[in-house]
Protein backbone atom coordinates (compact mmCIF):
# COMPACT_ATOMS: atom_id res chain seq x y z
CA MET A 1 25.95 -14.26 41.48
CA PRO A 2 25.59 -16.87 38.67
CA GLU A 3 28.01 -19.79 38.87
CA GLU A 4 29.69 -18.87 35.58
CA ARG A 5 30.46 -15.34 36.75
CA THR A 6 31.94 -16.72 39.96
CA LYS A 7 34.23 -19.03 37.95
CA ARG A 8 35.34 -16.11 35.79
CA SER A 9 36.28 -14.00 38.78
CA GLN A 10 38.44 -16.85 40.09
CA ALA A 11 40.60 -16.83 36.96
CA GLN A 12 41.75 -13.22 36.80
CA GLY A 13 44.91 -13.98 34.80
CA GLU A 14 43.33 -15.94 31.92
CA ASN A 15 43.10 -14.23 28.53
CA GLU A 16 39.53 -14.01 27.27
CA LEU A 17 37.76 -12.75 24.17
CA VAL A 18 34.53 -10.96 25.08
CA PHE A 19 31.78 -9.08 23.27
CA LEU A 20 29.71 -6.25 24.74
CA ALA A 21 27.08 -3.97 23.19
CA LEU A 22 26.53 -0.45 24.49
CA GLY A 23 23.76 -0.09 21.91
CA GLY A 24 22.22 -2.16 19.11
CA LEU A 25 21.12 -5.31 20.96
CA GLY A 26 17.39 -5.27 21.66
CA GLU A 27 16.88 -2.30 19.33
CA ILE A 28 17.44 -1.30 15.71
CA GLY A 29 19.78 1.66 15.75
CA MET A 30 22.39 3.26 18.05
CA ASN A 31 24.94 0.59 17.16
CA ALA A 32 27.98 0.62 19.46
CA TYR A 33 29.82 -2.65 20.03
CA LEU A 34 32.98 -3.56 21.94
CA TYR A 35 35.34 -6.50 21.61
CA GLY A 36 37.73 -7.09 24.50
CA TYR A 37 40.80 -9.30 24.66
CA GLY A 38 43.05 -10.09 27.61
CA PRO A 39 42.61 -10.99 31.28
CA PRO A 40 39.45 -9.57 32.90
CA ASP A 41 41.43 -6.99 34.87
CA ALA A 42 43.59 -5.83 31.92
CA ARG A 43 41.63 -6.11 28.68
CA LYS A 44 42.29 -4.18 25.49
CA TRP A 45 39.18 -3.02 23.65
CA LEU A 46 38.10 -2.37 20.08
CA MET A 47 34.91 -0.45 19.33
CA VAL A 48 32.87 -1.25 16.23
CA ASP A 49 30.54 1.57 15.13
CA LEU A 50 29.26 4.51 17.14
CA GLY A 51 25.79 5.45 15.96
CA ILE A 52 22.63 7.24 16.93
CA THR A 53 18.95 6.53 17.11
CA PHE A 54 16.13 9.00 16.74
CA PRO A 55 13.59 10.17 19.31
CA GLU A 56 10.19 8.53 19.26
CA GLY A 57 7.79 11.44 19.55
CA GLU A 58 6.17 12.28 22.85
CA ASP A 59 8.59 10.25 24.99
CA ASP A 60 11.53 12.46 24.05
CA PRO A 61 10.18 16.03 23.77
CA GLY A 62 12.59 18.51 22.25
CA ILE A 63 15.30 15.91 21.57
CA ASP A 64 17.15 15.88 18.24
CA VAL A 65 19.03 12.56 18.40
CA ILE A 66 19.91 9.88 20.96
CA PHE A 67 23.41 8.56 21.70
CA PRO A 68 24.63 5.49 23.58
CA ASP A 69 25.93 6.10 27.08
CA LEU A 70 29.68 5.39 26.91
CA ARG A 71 30.50 5.60 30.60
CA PHE A 72 31.82 2.01 30.67
CA ILE A 73 34.44 2.53 27.96
CA GLU A 74 35.12 6.14 29.00
CA GLU A 75 36.48 4.75 32.25
CA GLU A 76 38.59 2.30 30.20
CA LYS A 77 39.54 4.65 27.35
CA SER A 78 43.27 4.19 27.93
CA THR A 79 42.76 0.55 26.86
CA LEU A 80 40.66 1.36 23.76
CA ALA A 81 42.66 0.65 20.60
CA GLY A 82 40.33 2.46 18.21
CA ILE A 83 36.90 2.73 16.61
CA VAL A 84 36.14 0.86 13.38
CA ILE A 85 33.18 2.08 11.33
CA THR A 86 31.47 -0.55 9.17
CA HIS A 87 29.56 1.97 7.00
CA ALA A 88 28.27 5.52 6.89
CA HIS A 89 24.64 5.17 7.96
CA GLU A 90 23.73 7.43 10.86
CA ASP A 91 22.87 4.54 13.16
CA HIS A 92 26.50 3.40 12.79
CA ILE A 93 28.44 6.66 12.39
CA GLY A 94 26.17 9.43 13.67
CA ALA A 95 27.55 9.69 17.23
CA VAL A 96 31.25 9.76 16.31
CA ILE A 97 31.66 13.53 16.13
CA ASP A 98 29.70 14.30 19.30
CA LEU A 99 31.19 11.53 21.45
CA TRP A 100 34.72 11.20 20.07
CA PRO A 101 36.10 13.83 22.52
CA ARG A 102 35.17 11.46 25.36
CA LEU A 103 37.38 8.72 23.89
CA GLY A 104 40.10 10.40 21.83
CA VAL A 105 41.19 7.35 19.81
CA PRO A 106 41.82 6.76 16.06
CA VAL A 107 38.78 6.14 13.86
CA TYR A 108 39.21 3.57 11.07
CA ALA A 109 37.01 3.70 7.96
CA THR A 110 37.03 2.93 4.23
CA PRO A 111 37.26 5.84 1.74
CA PHE A 112 33.54 6.57 1.23
CA THR A 113 32.77 6.24 4.94
CA ALA A 114 35.76 8.42 5.81
CA GLY A 115 34.58 10.96 3.24
CA MET A 116 31.13 11.13 4.82
CA LEU A 117 32.66 11.60 8.25
CA LYS A 118 34.95 14.36 6.99
CA ALA A 119 32.01 16.08 5.30
CA LYS A 120 30.16 16.09 8.62
CA LEU A 121 33.29 17.37 10.37
CA ALA A 122 33.51 20.27 7.91
CA GLU A 123 30.19 21.54 9.24
CA TYR A 124 31.90 22.00 12.62
CA GLY A 125 34.26 24.56 11.11
CA GLY A 126 37.46 22.71 11.99
CA LYS A 127 36.76 22.72 15.74
CA LEU A 128 37.54 19.00 15.99
CA ASN A 129 40.62 17.18 14.76
CA ILE A 130 39.59 13.53 14.73
CA PRO A 131 42.38 11.18 13.57
CA ILE A 132 40.57 9.38 10.74
CA ARG A 133 42.66 6.47 9.43
CA GLU A 134 41.47 5.66 5.92
CA ILE A 135 41.58 1.92 5.20
CA PRO A 136 41.41 0.70 1.57
CA LEU A 137 38.28 -1.15 0.56
CA ASN A 138 38.84 -4.78 1.59
CA GLY A 139 41.90 -3.63 3.54
CA ARG A 140 43.47 -4.88 6.75
CA PHE A 141 45.11 -3.21 9.75
CA GLN A 142 46.27 -3.86 13.30
CA ALA A 143 44.78 -2.12 16.36
CA GLY A 144 46.23 -3.33 19.64
CA PRO A 145 45.80 -7.12 19.81
CA PHE A 146 43.13 -7.00 17.09
CA ASP A 147 43.99 -7.88 13.49
CA VAL A 148 41.06 -6.36 11.58
CA GLU A 149 40.19 -7.14 7.97
CA LEU A 150 37.33 -5.33 6.24
CA PHE A 151 35.53 -6.98 3.34
CA GLU A 152 32.72 -5.49 1.28
CA MET A 153 29.12 -6.66 1.61
CA SER A 154 26.05 -5.49 -0.30
CA HIS A 155 23.88 -2.95 1.51
CA SER A 156 22.03 0.28 0.76
CA ILE A 157 25.16 2.45 0.95
CA PRO A 158 28.62 2.11 -0.63
CA GLU A 159 31.35 0.23 1.20
CA SER A 160 29.28 -1.44 3.88
CA SER A 161 31.93 -3.73 5.30
CA ALA A 162 31.91 -6.84 7.41
CA LEU A 163 34.88 -7.32 9.71
CA ALA A 164 37.09 -10.33 10.23
CA ILE A 165 38.53 -9.68 13.69
CA ARG A 166 41.44 -11.99 14.46
CA THR A 167 42.76 -12.46 17.99
CA PRO A 168 44.85 -15.17 19.69
CA ALA A 169 41.55 -16.54 21.00
CA GLY A 170 39.95 -16.91 17.59
CA LEU A 171 38.40 -15.25 14.54
CA VAL A 172 35.13 -13.30 14.80
CA VAL A 173 33.10 -12.19 11.78
CA HIS A 174 31.13 -9.03 12.58
CA THR A 175 28.74 -8.72 9.63
CA GLY A 176 27.68 -5.09 9.91
CA ASP A 177 24.59 -4.44 7.75
CA TRP A 178 24.46 -6.67 4.69
CA LYS A 179 22.44 -8.69 2.19
CA ILE A 180 23.19 -10.99 -0.73
CA ASP A 181 22.64 -8.86 -3.82
CA LEU A 182 24.28 -10.48 -6.84
CA THR A 183 23.34 -7.58 -9.13
CA PRO A 184 24.02 -4.38 -7.16
CA THR A 185 24.10 -1.15 -9.13
CA ILE A 186 26.79 0.39 -6.89
CA GLY A 187 29.69 -1.57 -5.39
CA GLY A 188 30.33 -5.29 -5.51
CA ALA A 189 28.38 -8.39 -4.57
CA PRO A 190 29.38 -10.30 -1.42
CA ASP A 191 32.51 -12.33 -2.08
CA GLN A 192 31.40 -15.92 -1.65
CA ARG A 193 34.96 -17.24 -2.02
CA ARG A 194 36.23 -14.90 0.69
CA LEU A 195 33.50 -15.95 3.09
CA MET A 196 34.15 -19.63 2.39
CA ALA A 197 37.89 -19.06 2.91
CA LEU A 198 37.12 -17.59 6.32
CA GLY A 199 35.07 -20.68 7.06
CA ASP A 200 38.05 -22.84 6.09
CA GLU A 201 40.31 -20.75 8.34
CA GLY A 202 37.92 -21.39 11.21
CA VAL A 203 35.33 -18.89 12.40
CA LEU A 204 34.90 -18.88 16.14
CA ALA A 205 31.85 -16.60 16.08
CA VAL A 206 29.58 -14.62 13.78
CA VAL A 207 28.00 -11.52 15.30
CA GLY A 208 25.28 -10.88 12.78
CA ASP A 209 22.52 -8.62 11.50
CA SER A 210 19.04 -9.70 12.67
CA THR A 211 16.86 -7.01 11.08
CA ASN A 212 15.03 -9.34 8.67
CA ALA A 213 15.43 -12.59 10.60
CA MET A 214 11.65 -12.96 10.74
CA ARG A 215 11.20 -12.71 6.94
CA GLU A 216 11.46 -15.80 4.77
CA GLY A 217 13.11 -15.92 1.37
CA LYS A 218 15.72 -13.63 -0.17
CA SER A 219 15.89 -9.85 -0.50
CA PRO A 220 15.21 -8.45 -3.99
CA SER A 221 18.03 -6.74 -5.85
CA GLU A 222 18.65 -3.00 -6.15
CA ARG A 223 18.62 -3.54 -9.91
CA ASP A 224 14.92 -4.50 -9.71
CA VAL A 225 14.15 -1.16 -8.05
CA ALA A 226 16.11 0.72 -10.72
CA LYS A 227 14.00 -0.89 -13.45
CA THR A 228 10.73 -0.07 -11.66
CA LEU A 229 11.74 3.56 -11.17
CA ALA A 230 12.71 3.88 -14.82
CA ASP A 231 9.31 2.49 -15.93
CA ILE A 232 7.35 4.81 -13.60
CA VAL A 233 9.27 7.93 -14.65
CA LYS A 234 8.94 7.07 -18.34
CA ASP A 235 5.13 6.80 -18.05
CA ALA A 236 4.57 9.79 -15.74
CA PRO A 237 2.54 12.61 -17.39
CA ALA A 238 3.85 15.45 -15.24
CA ARG A 239 6.45 16.13 -12.54
CA VAL A 240 7.96 13.28 -10.55
CA ALA A 241 9.34 13.82 -7.03
CA VAL A 242 11.30 10.98 -5.42
CA THR A 243 12.35 10.84 -1.78
CA THR A 244 14.74 8.24 -0.42
CA PHE A 245 17.47 7.87 2.18
CA ALA A 246 20.07 10.45 1.20
CA SER A 247 22.87 7.94 1.78
CA ASN A 248 21.51 5.43 -0.74
CA VAL A 249 23.87 6.26 -3.60
CA ALA A 250 22.57 3.36 -5.69
CA ARG A 251 19.05 4.82 -5.45
CA VAL A 252 20.34 8.30 -6.32
CA LYS A 253 21.98 6.84 -9.40
CA ALA A 254 18.81 4.91 -10.30
CA VAL A 255 16.70 8.08 -10.13
CA ALA A 256 19.26 10.00 -12.18
CA ASP A 257 19.36 7.22 -14.79
CA ALA A 258 15.55 7.12 -14.93
CA ALA A 259 15.42 10.89 -15.47
CA ARG A 260 18.02 10.77 -18.24
CA ALA A 261 16.30 7.83 -19.98
CA ALA A 262 13.01 9.77 -19.99
CA GLY A 263 14.66 12.95 -21.31
CA ARG A 264 14.13 14.80 -18.03
CA GLU A 265 16.29 17.00 -15.82
CA LEU A 266 17.28 15.79 -12.35
CA VAL A 267 16.69 18.43 -9.68
CA VAL A 268 18.25 17.83 -6.25
CA ALA A 269 16.67 19.39 -3.15
CA GLY A 270 18.21 18.96 0.29
CA ARG A 271 21.64 19.56 1.82
CA ALA A 272 22.12 15.92 2.85
CA LEU A 273 21.70 14.77 -0.75
CA HIS A 274 24.20 17.33 -2.02
CA ARG A 275 26.73 16.16 0.57
CA VAL A 276 26.33 12.47 -0.32
CA ILE A 277 26.55 13.17 -4.05
CA GLU A 278 29.78 15.15 -3.59
CA VAL A 279 31.38 12.34 -1.56
CA ALA A 280 30.15 9.70 -4.03
CA ILE A 281 31.71 11.63 -6.93
CA ASP A 282 34.98 12.09 -5.02
CA THR A 283 35.21 8.35 -4.29
CA GLY A 284 34.17 7.19 -7.75
CA TYR A 285 30.71 5.82 -7.02
CA LEU A 286 29.14 8.49 -9.22
CA PRO A 287 30.89 9.71 -12.39
CA GLN A 288 32.76 13.02 -12.43
CA GLY A 289 30.23 14.24 -14.98
CA PHE A 290 27.21 13.34 -12.84
CA ARG A 291 24.68 15.92 -13.96
CA TYR A 292 21.93 17.55 -11.94
CA VAL A 293 20.53 21.01 -11.34
CA ASP A 294 19.97 22.74 -8.03
CA GLN A 295 16.52 23.46 -6.66
CA GLN A 296 16.63 27.14 -7.63
CA ARG A 297 16.16 26.16 -11.29
CA PHE A 298 13.04 24.08 -10.59
CA SER A 299 10.63 26.82 -11.66
CA GLU A 300 12.39 27.22 -15.02
CA LEU A 301 11.54 23.67 -16.11
CA LYS A 302 8.34 22.40 -17.69
CA ARG A 303 6.34 19.89 -15.63
CA SER A 304 7.14 17.11 -18.10
CA GLN A 305 10.87 17.82 -17.78
CA VAL A 306 11.27 17.37 -14.02
CA VAL A 307 12.42 14.56 -11.78
CA CYS A 308 13.07 16.05 -8.34
CA LEU A 309 15.09 14.07 -5.83
CA CYS A 310 14.16 15.24 -2.31
CA THR A 311 15.25 14.65 1.25
CA GLY A 312 12.61 13.75 3.81
CA SER A 313 11.72 10.09 3.33
CA GLN A 314 11.31 9.68 7.11
CA GLY A 315 9.01 12.64 7.62
CA GLU A 316 11.70 15.00 8.90
CA PRO A 317 9.88 18.31 9.42
CA ARG A 318 12.63 20.53 7.95
CA ALA A 319 13.41 18.29 4.98
CA ALA A 320 12.38 19.08 1.41
CA MET A 321 9.42 16.70 1.06
CA ALA A 322 7.76 17.88 4.27
CA ARG A 323 8.05 21.51 3.19
CA VAL A 324 6.62 20.64 -0.25
CA ALA A 325 3.66 18.92 1.44
CA GLU A 326 3.00 22.12 3.39
CA ASN A 327 3.42 24.39 0.34
CA GLU A 328 6.26 26.10 2.20
CA HIS A 329 9.32 25.15 0.16
CA PRO A 330 10.98 28.26 -1.29
CA ASP A 331 11.79 26.61 -4.65
CA ILE A 332 9.93 23.29 -5.06
CA SER A 333 6.18 22.84 -5.53
CA LEU A 334 3.93 20.05 -6.74
CA ASP A 335 0.51 20.36 -8.34
CA LYS A 336 -2.49 18.17 -9.03
CA GLY A 337 -1.46 15.36 -11.38
CA ASP A 338 2.16 15.23 -10.26
CA LEU A 339 3.66 12.08 -8.77
CA ALA A 340 5.52 11.56 -5.46
CA ILE A 341 7.49 8.33 -4.96
CA PHE A 342 8.56 7.26 -1.46
CA SER A 343 11.50 5.03 -2.37
CA SER A 344 12.26 4.01 1.20
CA ARG A 345 11.13 2.03 4.21
CA THR A 346 9.54 3.93 7.07
CA ILE A 347 11.65 3.45 10.18
CA PRO A 348 9.54 2.37 13.21
CA GLY A 349 8.55 5.48 15.13
CA ASN A 350 8.32 7.65 11.99
CA GLU A 351 5.01 6.27 10.70
CA LYS A 352 2.91 9.21 11.90
CA ALA A 353 5.17 11.86 10.38
CA VAL A 354 5.49 10.04 7.06
CA GLY A 355 1.76 9.33 6.95
CA TRP A 356 0.96 13.01 7.51
CA ILE A 357 3.13 14.03 4.55
CA GLN A 358 1.70 11.36 2.27
CA ASN A 359 -1.90 12.22 3.18
CA ASN A 360 -1.27 15.93 2.68
CA LEU A 361 0.14 15.25 -0.77
CA VAL A 362 -2.91 13.16 -1.66
CA ARG A 363 -5.20 16.00 -0.52
CA MET A 364 -3.29 18.26 -2.91
CA GLY A 365 -4.19 15.93 -5.78
CA ILE A 366 -0.74 14.34 -6.05
CA GLU A 367 -0.42 10.62 -6.69
CA VAL A 368 1.68 8.91 -4.01
CA VAL A 369 3.55 5.67 -4.72
CA THR A 370 5.14 3.63 -1.92
CA ASP A 371 6.58 0.12 -1.76
CA ASN A 372 3.01 -1.07 -1.14
CA GLU A 373 2.09 -0.14 -4.72
CA ALA A 374 5.30 -0.92 -6.62
CA LEU A 375 8.84 -2.25 -6.12
CA VAL A 376 10.32 1.17 -5.40
CA HIS A 377 12.38 0.04 -2.40
CA VAL A 378 14.25 -3.06 -1.28
CA THR A 379 15.72 -3.82 2.09
CA GLY A 380 19.44 -3.68 2.74
CA HIS A 381 19.32 -6.52 5.28
CA PRO A 382 19.35 -10.32 4.92
CA ARG A 383 16.24 -12.44 5.03
CA ARG A 384 16.25 -15.97 6.37
CA ASP A 385 17.59 -17.74 3.26
CA GLU A 386 20.51 -15.31 3.15
CA LEU A 387 21.30 -15.95 6.82
CA ARG A 388 21.30 -19.69 6.13
CA GLN A 389 23.65 -19.14 3.20
CA LEU A 390 26.06 -17.10 5.33
CA TYR A 391 26.26 -19.87 7.91
CA ALA A 392 26.78 -22.49 5.21
CA TRP A 393 29.75 -20.45 3.93
CA THR A 394 31.37 -19.51 7.23
CA ARG A 395 30.44 -22.50 9.44
CA PRO A 396 30.82 -20.64 12.77
CA LYS A 397 31.02 -22.35 16.13
CA ILE A 398 29.09 -19.49 17.81
CA VAL A 399 26.41 -17.02 16.67
CA ILE A 400 25.49 -13.81 18.53
CA PRO A 401 22.46 -12.11 16.94
CA MET A 402 22.77 -8.31 16.82
CA HIS A 403 21.07 -5.30 15.22
CA GLY A 404 17.50 -6.11 16.17
CA GLU A 405 14.73 -5.90 18.72
CA ALA A 406 14.16 -8.83 21.07
CA ARG A 407 11.84 -10.63 18.64
CA HIS A 408 14.38 -10.32 15.82
CA LEU A 409 17.21 -11.63 18.00
CA LYS A 410 15.10 -14.59 19.11
CA ALA A 411 14.12 -15.47 15.53
CA HIS A 412 17.75 -15.21 14.39
CA ALA A 413 18.90 -17.43 17.25
CA ALA A 414 16.37 -20.13 16.35
CA LEU A 415 17.41 -20.02 12.71
CA ALA A 416 21.10 -20.32 13.60
CA ARG A 417 20.41 -23.39 15.73
CA ASP A 418 18.38 -24.94 12.89
CA ALA A 419 21.30 -24.19 10.56
CA GLY A 420 23.56 -26.36 12.73
CA VAL A 421 25.41 -23.73 14.77
CA SER A 422 26.42 -25.47 17.98
CA GLU A 423 26.41 -22.45 20.32
CA VAL A 424 23.99 -19.52 20.08
CA GLN A 425 23.78 -16.75 22.65
CA VAL A 426 21.14 -14.02 22.75
CA ALA A 427 22.35 -11.00 24.67
CA TYR A 428 21.16 -7.45 25.22
CA ASN A 429 22.85 -4.12 25.76
CA GLY A 430 25.16 -4.23 28.77
CA GLU A 431 25.52 -8.03 28.91
CA MET A 432 29.14 -9.10 28.42
CA VAL A 433 29.48 -12.33 26.46
CA ARG A 434 32.61 -14.48 26.73
CA LEU A 435 33.39 -16.00 23.35
CA ALA A 436 36.57 -17.83 24.36
CA PRO A 437 37.89 -19.85 26.04
CA GLY A 438 35.23 -22.38 26.95
CA PRO A 439 31.56 -22.39 26.03
CA VAL A 440 29.88 -19.08 25.20
CA ARG A 441 28.39 -17.43 28.30
CA ILE A 442 27.17 -14.10 29.65
CA VAL A 443 29.84 -13.48 32.27
CA ASP A 444 29.42 -9.89 33.41
CA ASP A 445 27.42 -6.73 32.89
CA ALA A 446 28.23 -3.10 32.21
CA PRO A 447 26.33 0.14 32.72
CA VAL A 448 24.41 1.22 29.62
CA GLY A 449 21.85 3.85 28.83
CA ARG A 450 21.05 6.75 26.54
CA LEU A 451 22.26 10.29 26.15
CA PHE A 452 20.14 12.99 24.51
CA ARG A 453 21.35 15.78 22.26
CA ASP A 454 19.20 18.62 23.51
CA GLY A 455 19.98 21.60 21.30
CA ARG A 456 23.74 22.07 21.61
CA LEU A 457 24.02 20.10 24.84
CA ILE A 458 24.32 16.39 25.62
CA VAL A 459 22.22 15.46 28.65
CA PRO A 460 21.35 12.17 30.40
CA SER A 461 18.01 10.59 29.57
CA THR A 462 17.12 9.57 33.11
CA ASP A 463 16.88 12.98 34.70
CA GLY A 464 17.26 16.68 33.97
CA PRO A 465 15.32 18.83 31.51
CA VAL A 466 13.84 16.07 29.36
CA ARG A 467 12.27 14.39 32.35
CA GLU A 468 10.73 17.72 33.37
CA ARG A 469 9.40 18.30 29.85
CA ARG A 470 7.74 14.90 29.89
CA LYS A 471 5.88 15.93 33.04
CA LEU A 472 4.97 19.30 31.55
CA ALA A 473 3.48 17.57 28.52
CA VAL A 474 1.10 15.63 30.77
CA VAL A 475 0.18 17.92 33.67
CA GLY A 476 1.19 21.51 32.86
CA ILE A 477 2.60 24.03 35.30
CA VAL A 478 1.42 26.57 37.87
CA VAL A 479 3.79 29.33 38.98
CA VAL A 480 3.05 31.33 42.15
CA ALA A 481 5.08 34.47 42.91
CA LEU A 482 4.98 35.76 46.51
CA ALA A 483 6.37 39.03 47.91
CA LEU A 484 6.97 38.59 51.67
CA THR A 485 8.72 40.50 54.40
CA ARG A 486 11.47 38.76 56.32
CA ARG A 487 8.84 37.95 58.97
CA GLY A 488 6.56 36.30 56.43
CA GLU A 489 3.99 39.05 55.92
CA LEU A 490 2.40 39.23 52.47
CA MET A 491 3.27 42.58 50.87
CA ALA A 492 1.12 42.30 47.71
CA GLU A 493 -1.41 40.04 46.08
CA PRO A 494 0.23 36.81 44.86
CA GLN A 495 0.87 36.61 41.13
CA ILE A 496 -0.33 33.45 39.38
CA VAL A 497 0.81 32.06 36.00
CA ILE A 498 -0.83 28.91 34.63
CA ASP A 499 0.25 27.03 31.49
CA GLY A 500 -1.04 23.70 30.21
CA VAL A 501 -3.80 23.56 32.86
CA PRO A 502 -7.53 24.01 32.12
CA ALA A 503 -8.73 27.61 32.51
CA GLU A 504 -11.80 26.59 34.56
CA ASP A 505 -12.97 23.75 36.76
CA GLU A 506 -16.12 21.75 35.98
CA ASP A 507 -18.27 24.39 37.70
CA GLY A 508 -16.84 27.18 35.59
CA GLU A 509 -14.70 28.71 38.33
CA PRO A 510 -11.48 30.19 36.92
CA MET A 511 -8.52 28.04 37.86
CA ASP A 512 -6.35 31.05 38.67
CA GLU A 513 -8.95 32.24 41.19
CA LEU A 514 -8.95 28.79 42.76
CA VAL A 515 -5.16 28.92 43.02
CA LEU A 516 -5.23 32.43 44.51
CA THR A 517 -7.78 31.41 47.13
CA THR A 518 -5.66 28.36 48.00
CA VAL A 519 -2.50 30.44 48.38
CA GLU A 520 -4.14 33.05 50.60
CA GLY A 521 -5.81 30.39 52.74
CA THR A 522 -2.52 28.54 53.18
CA LEU A 523 -0.67 31.67 54.27
CA LYS A 524 -3.36 32.50 56.81
CA SER A 525 -3.19 28.99 58.22
CA ILE A 526 0.50 29.29 59.07
CA PRO A 527 1.10 30.80 62.55
CA ARG A 528 2.73 34.24 62.42
CA ASP A 529 5.92 33.15 64.24
CA ARG A 530 6.45 30.30 61.75
CA ARG A 531 6.15 32.46 58.63
CA ARG A 532 9.77 33.55 59.08
CA ASP A 533 10.77 30.13 57.75
CA LEU A 534 10.43 31.08 54.10
CA GLU A 535 11.38 27.63 52.80
CA MET A 536 8.60 26.09 54.88
CA VAL A 537 6.13 28.70 53.60
CA SER A 538 7.15 28.03 49.99
CA GLU A 539 6.76 24.26 50.37
CA ALA A 540 3.39 24.60 52.15
CA VAL A 541 2.05 26.77 49.33
CA ARG A 542 3.40 24.39 46.69
CA ARG A 543 1.75 21.37 48.25
CA ALA A 544 -1.55 23.18 48.83
CA VAL A 545 -1.77 24.50 45.25
CA ARG A 546 -0.87 21.12 43.79
CA GLY A 547 -3.53 19.43 45.91
CA GLY A 548 -6.13 22.10 45.19
CA VAL A 549 -5.70 21.89 41.42
CA ALA A 550 -5.68 18.09 41.59
CA ALA A 551 -8.99 18.14 43.47
CA ALA A 552 -10.54 20.37 40.79
CA TRP A 553 -8.93 18.81 37.71
CA GLY A 554 -7.95 15.27 38.60
CA LYS A 555 -4.28 15.82 37.70
CA LYS A 556 -1.41 17.13 39.80
CA PRO A 557 0.45 19.90 37.96
CA ILE A 558 4.04 20.93 38.39
CA VAL A 559 3.97 23.82 40.85
CA LYS A 560 6.77 26.36 41.29
CA VAL A 561 6.68 28.93 44.10
CA LEU A 562 8.90 32.00 43.76
CA VAL A 563 9.42 33.96 46.98
CA SER A 564 10.82 37.49 46.94
CA VAL A 565 11.86 38.93 50.29
CA ILE A 566 11.14 42.65 50.65
CA ASP A 567 12.27 44.77 53.59
CA GLY A 568 9.33 46.56 55.15
CA LYS A 569 7.38 47.02 58.31
CA GLY A 570 6.94 44.02 60.52
């Protein structure tokens, strides 16, 4: 055991402030952070965000979304004061509904974020009654020993809030997702005076966004994107389809403004966009008279009259843009000469799906514009100059990089040191960091992992059906059905089912014949008096078939042997 952990265990009664990630450190997505205050054997906890990540293709077959494993805080849920949501992106809010029953604590959120959560809850038909405590924008509340102040930061969704978490051990600024955008089209710019006032108060630690820590300079403004979109729509000769993150209300407004300026109608296609627009109108981020038409009216409009805002910027197979690219959307279609704008960044892991859609559109004669060709998207995360500015304003003693893969965390840590931060600690999921008292250290660890939403069920990632499906994807399956008497006599020819295995070996012999021969030979090799042990017979056949197919194919399939016992002679 490291010396520091030994020292910690010798001081059980000392109040500490600790930080622990159950997701979000060493990855981008699945954000779930914990702050603990009190003695090590009696801490109170505050959770910040509870998000999802998405499956990455072949490694997660059949999986819809991925959740953080909460077993650590589930065991401590009586000490959990609440969950604070920084903003309504899925990687920060997406696991709340599915995992809240495991915790059962109040959820704190600003009006837009609360509205998005309630809209998602409505889809559950009132089956859950989550206590959502709505906090005013830039509001403040108490949860256990944590005095939590939210203050607005610029991002790609309304009301993305940083947190000032005050405890007797010190003040922590948890940035959430942010950037310095002095000309946002929705919401306010970061409050420089507020951040400097926190610095004057004394910031013990900043736990900060690392997504763009490897990129020099400053992030462009959302207003620049709005101007580009307006210019492109104005000059387009035919239909324009735009896909973006549904939650990006500023981008929705920019597309709507571009359509109106060009004398076009805005058509909205996709349930997620309708939901976001309704919440944005309810909370004042879009005007009550925000005008658009539903997708059913698309065919009534001339090509020169249409700007269609579509879901599907990440290649989601059931979203509007994917169905358009397959000519399978019931209401929306694009033709040669039309224009498709991907006003988004492709999330790592989605490149193949997005590329397929874009290439299919090009084959249809549609012009595709991405952020490689024009400024149709800007990041919502800080680049290096913005990180330096934050540290100049807040002057923290400690920096913990978060929200990034290992390379992003390392780059952020180096920048913080160069910016004069005296203590910088890189940590990963499951590593508990002591912020106070004393120097920052990793002092303990906690169990972490992933949970899969598999259809309607939540299953562990390490075993169970997903693990079996991974094997099936590589080696296929052979099923052997045997009908035996209680004394092990074969009553009928074995039945063979093969799936995902080559039909023939390299000599052209049918694989099912090879399996049948192997089964019959194995049964004959077992002495008559031992065939009564049906479990032994089943295992012997399984091993023989697996080895026989491996010898012919070079891969060992999954083999299942089904034994039916039939009363009969013998």
